[in-house]
Amino acid sequence: MNMLNFGHMTNNSRYQINEKDIDSMLNYLKAKDPEHATPEMAIELLEYLQATFHTMQHENPDMLAKIYDDFLKTRN
């Protein structure tokens, strides 16, 4: 299993949510949950996902590694 380590990231190099990401998430919400498809909800969901993955890195690194391994399998 591949191990991921994001410890090298500083506050300056941290991922920042951008307009493209918000638009993509908004499109997802329009298809999945049109009633809640707003830019504000898209931002909240992106922030939630970012926090979830950050927490997973500390509390469940094996799960994060499995997600990464699954991702790598889709690239082949």
Protein backbone atom coordinates (compact mmCIF):
# COMPACT_ATOMS: atom_id res chain seq x y z
CA MET A 1 0.00 0.00 0.00
CA ASN A 2 1.36 3.45 -0.89
CA MET A 3 1.67 5.87 2.00
CA LEU A 4 0.77 9.50 1.50
CA ASN A 5 2.34 12.28 3.45
CA PHE A 6 1.10 15.83 3.12
CA GLY A 7 3.21 17.05 6.03
CA HIS A 8 5.50 18.90 3.66
CA MET A 9 2.73 21.34 2.75
CA THR A 10 2.95 24.74 4.35
CA ASN A 11 0.15 27.25 4.75
CA ASN A 12 1.46 29.00 1.64
CA SER A 13 1.33 25.86 -0.51
CA ARG A 14 -1.99 24.59 0.82
CA TYR A 15 -4.69 23.91 -1.72
CA GLN A 16 -6.96 26.89 -2.16
CA ILE A 17 -10.52 26.48 -3.41
CA ASN A 18 -10.88 28.33 -6.71
CA GLU A 19 -13.66 29.35 -9.10
CA LYS A 20 -13.12 26.33 -11.36
CA ASP A 21 -13.55 23.96 -8.40
CA ILE A 22 -16.65 25.81 -7.23
CA ASP A 23 -18.15 25.65 -10.72
CA SER A 24 -17.40 21.93 -10.99
CA MET A 25 -18.94 21.23 -7.61
CA LEU A 26 -21.94 23.38 -8.49
CA ASN A 27 -22.47 21.29 -11.63
CA TYR A 28 -22.30 18.14 -9.49
CA LEU A 29 -24.85 19.57 -7.06
CA LYS A 30 -27.18 20.57 -9.89
CA ALA A 31 -27.23 16.93 -11.01
CA LYS A 32 -27.26 15.32 -7.56
CA ASP A 33 -29.21 17.77 -5.38
CA PRO A 34 -30.67 20.67 -7.41
CA GLU A 35 -32.52 22.09 -4.42
CA HIS A 36 -29.21 22.85 -2.70
CA ALA A 37 -27.17 23.74 -5.80
CA THR A 38 -25.81 27.13 -4.80
CA PRO A 39 -22.29 28.53 -4.90
CA GLU A 40 -22.37 28.73 -1.10
CA MET A 41 -23.23 25.03 -0.79
CA ALA A 42 -20.53 24.15 -3.33
CA ILE A 43 -17.95 26.01 -1.23
CA GLU A 44 -19.18 24.38 1.98
CA LEU A 45 -18.95 20.92 0.42
CA LEU A 46 -15.43 21.58 -0.93
CA GLU A 47 -14.34 22.81 2.51
CA TYR A 48 -15.91 19.76 4.14
CA LEU A 49 -14.15 17.38 1.76
CA GLN A 50 -10.83 19.16 2.30
CA ALA A 51 -11.22 18.93 6.09
CA THR A 52 -12.29 15.28 5.87
CA PHE A 53 -9.20 14.31 3.91
CA HIS A 54 -6.98 16.30 6.25
CA THR A 55 -8.49 14.55 9.26
CA MET A 56 -8.21 11.19 7.52
CA GLN A 57 -4.49 11.77 7.05
CA HIS A 58 -4.09 11.95 10.83
CA GLU A 59 -6.77 9.57 12.07
CA ASN A 60 -7.04 6.93 9.35
CA PRO A 61 -3.97 7.02 7.10
CA ASP A 62 -4.66 3.46 5.91
CA MET A 63 -8.00 4.56 4.45
CA LEU A 64 -6.36 7.50 2.71
CA ALA A 65 -3.70 5.16 1.32
CA LYS A 66 -6.42 2.80 0.07
CA ILE A 67 -8.20 5.67 -1.68
CA TYR A 68 -4.90 6.62 -3.30
CA ASP A 69 -4.22 3.03 -4.36
CA ASP A 70 -7.72 2.83 -5.86
CA PHE A 71 -7.05 6.07 -7.70
CA LEU A 72 -3.81 4.68 -9.11
CA LYS A 73 -5.66 1.65 -10.42
CA THR A 74 -7.95 3.93 -12.45
CA ARG A 75 -4.92 5.41 -14.19
CA ASN A 76 -3.77 2.11 -15.70
